[in-house]
């Protein structure tokens, strides 16, 4: 198998220094602070930090000469980490541009994973994750491969009481795929939870009249958690 060429970190560091002014001036309402390039002792990796008074998070980006990059979004002791493979310095710089733009919009929200087999209807065959945030239900589409693996080996269901911080960027979630959902609990006019032998779900009507359907395997914790958590929030707007 052909070995990947090592990333030219000296060039990456130079590109960061060249773009510092662009990132610094790109803040909305306040300047973005960009650190100097931070090197590991063996010069096999580098990092750069970003922050702004107008952001809810701080961002640290790291890259190793192997081509693996990591983004760390940090807020009040909570950290969300994302890993990416970058094949070139240009790809790493593009990743930084995107991460800096996202950091201006992101807030780290405490979230509970309700289901990993969530779909948006009987004609939607691609599983996704369903998360409960303090003020929202969020459905994030998975991939075809993961759904196919589920079909062959059975689903990797959400574990009970799985909690983590979620990098919450509603516009990015919605735009990533048309079946992604960001549903504000305060805007739910009526919701109905239903259970079945193999499939359970929820139908929602929003205040603007739009309707949504969420389905998941009945062995997931979603219905149990929602029956416990939603009544105090929705009151008579919930049927279950």
Protein backbone atom coordinates (compact mmCIF):
# COMPACT_ATOMS: atom_id res chain seq x y z
CA UNK A 1 0.00 0.00 0.00
CA UNK A 2 1.33 3.45 -0.92
CA UNK A 3 2.41 5.52 2.05
CA UNK A 4 0.99 9.00 2.44
CA UNK A 5 3.45 11.85 2.08
CA UNK A 6 4.11 13.72 5.31
CA UNK A 7 2.38 17.08 5.64
CA UNK A 8 4.73 20.03 5.20
CA UNK A 9 4.28 21.61 8.63
CA UNK A 10 6.77 24.40 7.97
CA UNK A 11 4.56 25.53 5.10
CA UNK A 12 1.45 25.11 7.26
CA UNK A 13 2.98 27.35 9.92
CA UNK A 14 3.86 29.97 7.32
CA UNK A 15 0.30 29.89 5.93
CA UNK A 16 -1.11 30.41 9.42
CA UNK A 17 1.10 33.46 9.94
CA UNK A 18 0.03 34.88 6.57
CA UNK A 19 -3.68 34.46 7.36
CA UNK A 20 -3.50 35.79 10.92
CA UNK A 21 -4.68 39.25 9.91
CA UNK A 22 -7.62 37.89 7.94
CA UNK A 23 -8.81 35.76 10.85
CA UNK A 24 -8.26 38.58 13.38
CA UNK A 25 -10.39 40.99 11.37
CA UNK A 26 -13.08 38.43 10.67
CA UNK A 27 -14.84 38.54 14.03
CA UNK A 28 -18.44 39.65 14.19
CA UNK A 29 -18.64 42.51 16.68
CA UNK A 30 -15.24 41.82 18.24
CA UNK A 31 -11.70 41.00 17.18
CA UNK A 32 -10.55 37.38 16.96
CA UNK A 33 -7.39 36.66 18.94
CA UNK A 34 -5.01 34.27 17.14
CA UNK A 35 -2.07 32.71 18.98
CA UNK A 36 1.39 32.22 17.59
CA UNK A 37 2.05 28.80 16.08
CA UNK A 38 2.74 26.30 18.87
CA UNK A 39 5.09 23.42 18.06
CA UNK A 40 5.56 20.03 19.68
CA UNK A 41 9.07 19.34 20.96
CA UNK A 42 9.85 17.01 18.05
CA UNK A 43 8.32 19.45 15.48
CA UNK A 44 5.99 16.64 14.36
CA UNK A 45 2.88 18.66 15.13
CA UNK A 46 1.66 22.20 15.55
CA UNK A 47 -1.30 23.98 17.07
CA UNK A 48 -2.96 27.39 16.94
CA UNK A 49 -5.59 28.86 19.27
CA UNK A 50 -8.44 31.23 18.49
CA UNK A 51 -10.73 33.20 20.77
CA UNK A 52 -13.00 36.20 20.76
CA UNK A 53 -15.02 38.11 23.33
CA UNK A 54 -18.02 37.60 21.04
CA UNK A 55 -17.72 33.81 20.96
CA UNK A 56 -19.25 31.28 23.35
CA UNK A 57 -16.31 28.90 22.79
CA UNK A 58 -12.55 28.91 22.37
CA UNK A 59 -11.00 26.97 19.51
CA UNK A 60 -7.72 25.06 19.37
CA UNK A 61 -6.67 23.43 16.10
CA UNK A 62 -3.89 20.85 15.95
CA UNK A 63 -2.32 19.00 13.05
CA UNK A 64 0.28 16.23 12.88
CA UNK A 65 2.59 15.63 9.97
CA UNK A 66 0.74 12.33 9.39
CA UNK A 67 -2.21 14.42 8.14
CA UNK A 68 -4.50 14.03 11.14
CA UNK A 69 -6.02 17.27 12.43
CA UNK A 70 -8.06 17.83 15.56
CA UNK A 71 -10.38 20.66 16.48
CA UNK A 72 -11.15 21.37 20.14
CA UNK A 73 -14.12 23.61 20.97
CA UNK A 74 -13.94 24.55 24.67
CA UNK A 75 -16.42 26.34 26.93
CA UNK A 76 -16.70 26.40 30.73
CA UNK A 77 -14.82 23.17 31.21
CA UNK A 78 -16.68 21.31 28.44
CA UNK A 79 -14.79 20.15 25.35
CA UNK A 80 -16.01 18.88 21.98
CA UNK A 81 -13.28 17.30 19.85
CA UNK A 82 -13.47 16.60 16.12
CA UNK A 83 -10.90 14.70 14.07
CA UNK A 84 -10.26 15.15 10.36
CA UNK A 85 -7.85 13.73 7.80
CA UNK A 86 -6.26 16.49 5.71
CA UNK A 87 -4.23 15.54 2.68
CA UNK A 88 -2.50 18.86 2.06
CA UNK A 89 -1.60 22.17 3.65
CA UNK A 90 -4.35 23.79 1.56
CA UNK A 91 -6.90 21.36 3.02
CA UNK A 92 -5.73 22.14 6.56
CA UNK A 93 -5.98 25.90 6.01
CA UNK A 94 -9.47 25.44 4.54
CA UNK A 95 -10.37 23.45 7.66
CA UNK A 96 -9.14 26.33 9.81
CA UNK A 97 -11.20 28.85 7.82
CA UNK A 98 -14.32 26.74 8.33
CA UNK A 99 -13.60 26.10 12.02
CA UNK A 100 -13.11 29.81 12.76
CA UNK A 101 -16.41 30.62 11.02
CA UNK A 102 -18.17 27.86 12.99
CA UNK A 103 -16.67 28.93 16.32
CA UNK A 104 -18.47 32.27 16.00
CA UNK A 105 -21.81 30.41 15.88
CA UNK A 106 -21.27 27.41 18.15
CA UNK A 107 -22.40 26.99 21.72
CA UNK A 108 -21.64 23.84 23.70
CA UNK A 109 -24.96 22.45 24.88
CA UNK A 110 -25.51 19.58 27.34
CA UNK A 111 -27.27 16.85 25.37
CA UNK A 112 -28.68 13.37 25.96
CA UNK A 113 -28.53 10.76 23.20
CA UNK A 114 -31.99 9.24 22.76
CA UNK A 115 -31.54 7.03 19.70
CA UNK A 116 -29.04 6.09 17.00
CA UNK A 117 -31.67 4.55 14.68
CA UNK A 118 -33.79 7.66 14.21
CA UNK A 119 -35.36 8.26 10.80
CA UNK A 120 -37.78 10.94 9.62
CA UNK A 121 -40.47 8.65 8.20
CA UNK A 122 -41.16 5.26 6.67
CA UNK A 123 -39.50 6.25 3.39
CA UNK A 124 -36.31 7.45 5.09
CA UNK A 125 -34.00 4.44 5.39
CA UNK A 126 -30.90 6.23 6.70
CA UNK A 127 -30.48 6.12 10.46
CA UNK A 128 -29.42 9.13 12.47
CA UNK A 129 -28.93 10.26 16.04
CA UNK A 130 -31.69 11.87 18.08
CA UNK A 131 -30.54 14.24 20.83
CA UNK A 132 -32.43 16.06 23.57
CA UNK A 133 -30.99 19.49 24.42
CA UNK A 134 -32.32 21.86 27.09
CA UNK A 135 -34.52 23.66 24.57
CA UNK A 136 -34.46 21.54 21.42
CA UNK A 137 -34.84 18.13 19.85
CA UNK A 138 -32.06 17.58 17.31
CA UNK A 139 -31.91 14.82 14.70
CA UNK A 140 -28.58 14.41 12.86
CA UNK A 141 -28.45 12.07 9.88
CA UNK A 142 -25.88 9.28 9.90
CA UNK A 143 -24.46 7.56 6.84
CA UNK A 144 -25.49 4.83 4.45
CA UNK A 145 -22.60 2.59 5.51
CA UNK A 146 -23.57 2.74 9.18
CA UNK A 147 -27.17 1.89 8.29
CA UNK A 148 -26.04 -1.05 6.15
CA UNK A 149 -23.84 -2.35 8.99
CA UNK A 150 -26.85 -2.10 11.27
CA UNK A 151 -28.81 -4.24 8.81
CA UNK A 152 -26.15 -6.96 8.82
CA UNK A 153 -25.05 -7.02 12.45
CA UNK A 154 -27.83 -5.28 14.35
CA UNK A 155 -27.86 -1.68 15.57
CA UNK A 156 -25.48 -0.14 18.07
CA UNK A 157 -28.26 1.33 20.18
CA UNK A 158 -27.99 4.41 22.35
CA UNK A 159 -26.88 3.44 25.83
CA UNK A 160 -29.16 4.55 28.66
CA UNK A 161 -28.23 7.92 30.12
CA UNK A 162 -25.65 8.84 27.48
CA UNK A 163 -24.83 12.50 28.07
CA UNK A 164 -22.25 14.70 26.39
CA UNK A 165 -21.63 18.26 25.25
CA UNK A 166 -22.81 18.92 21.70
CA UNK A 167 -21.30 21.59 19.45
CA UNK A 168 -24.62 23.23 18.73
CA UNK A 169 -24.78 25.15 15.45
CA UNK A 170 -28.40 24.97 14.26
CA UNK A 171 -27.81 26.52 10.83
CA UNK A 172 -24.98 24.07 10.08
CA UNK A 173 -27.05 21.12 11.28
CA UNK A 174 -30.01 22.06 9.08
CA UNK A 175 -27.91 22.79 6.01
CA UNK A 176 -25.88 19.55 6.26
CA UNK A 177 -28.85 17.48 5.04
CA UNK A 178 -32.54 18.05 4.38
CA UNK A 179 -33.54 15.30 6.86
CA UNK A 180 -31.68 16.91 9.77
CA UNK A 181 -33.99 18.48 12.33
CA UNK A 182 -33.63 21.26 14.89
CA UNK A 183 -36.97 21.47 16.70
CA UNK A 184 -37.40 24.13 19.43
CA UNK A 185 -39.48 22.70 22.27
CA UNK A 186 -41.09 26.11 22.86
CA UNK A 187 -42.46 26.10 19.29
CA UNK A 188 -44.16 22.69 19.48
CA UNK A 189 -47.92 23.14 19.22
CA UNK A 190 -48.65 19.46 19.70
CA UNK A 191 -46.61 16.28 19.99
CA UNK A 192 -47.65 12.64 20.22
CA UNK A 193 -45.45 9.80 21.41
CA UNK A 194 -46.35 6.32 20.28
CA UNK A 195 -44.83 2.91 20.85
CA UNK A 196 -44.89 -0.35 18.93
CA UNK A 197 -43.40 -3.82 19.12
CA UNK A 198 -40.44 -2.96 16.85
CA UNK A 199 -40.79 0.76 16.07
CA UNK A 200 -41.69 3.73 18.23
CA UNK A 201 -41.82 7.38 17.36
CA UNK A 202 -43.10 10.88 17.70
CA UNK A 203 -45.17 13.15 15.51
CA UNK A 204 -44.92 16.90 16.00
CA UNK A 205 -46.86 19.90 14.78
CA UNK A 206 -45.01 23.19 15.19
CA UNK A 207 -46.48 26.60 15.88
CA UNK A 208 -46.01 27.58 12.22
CA UNK A 209 -48.03 24.55 11.08
CA UNK A 210 -45.11 22.41 9.84
CA UNK A 211 -45.24 18.73 10.75
CA UNK A 212 -42.43 16.33 11.54
CA UNK A 213 -42.17 12.60 12.14
CA UNK A 214 -39.40 10.86 14.04
CA UNK A 215 -39.13 7.06 14.21
CA UNK A 216 -36.70 4.80 16.07
CA UNK A 217 -36.36 1.18 17.15
CA UNK A 218 -38.43 0.43 20.24
CA UNK A 219 -35.39 -0.94 22.06
CA UNK A 220 -33.89 2.56 22.11
CA UNK A 221 -34.29 4.66 25.31
CA UNK A 222 -35.93 7.55 23.40
CA UNK A 223 -39.58 6.95 24.29
CA UNK A 224 -38.88 6.28 27.96
CA UNK A 225 -36.75 9.41 28.32
CA UNK A 226 -39.17 11.65 26.41
CA UNK A 227 -42.16 10.39 28.44
CA UNK A 228 -40.26 11.45 31.55
CA UNK A 229 -38.71 14.72 30.36
CA UNK A 230 -41.31 16.29 28.08
CA UNK A 231 -44.51 16.50 30.21
CA UNK A 232 -43.15 19.27 32.47
CA UNK A 233 -42.01 21.19 29.38
CA UNK A 234 -44.98 20.66 27.05
CA UNK A 235 -47.86 20.05 29.43
CA UNK A 236 -51.14 19.47 27.55
CA UNK A 237 -49.34 19.90 24.23
CA UNK A 238 -48.02 16.33 24.65
CA UNK A 239 -50.01 13.13 24.14
CA UNK A 240 -48.42 9.83 25.14
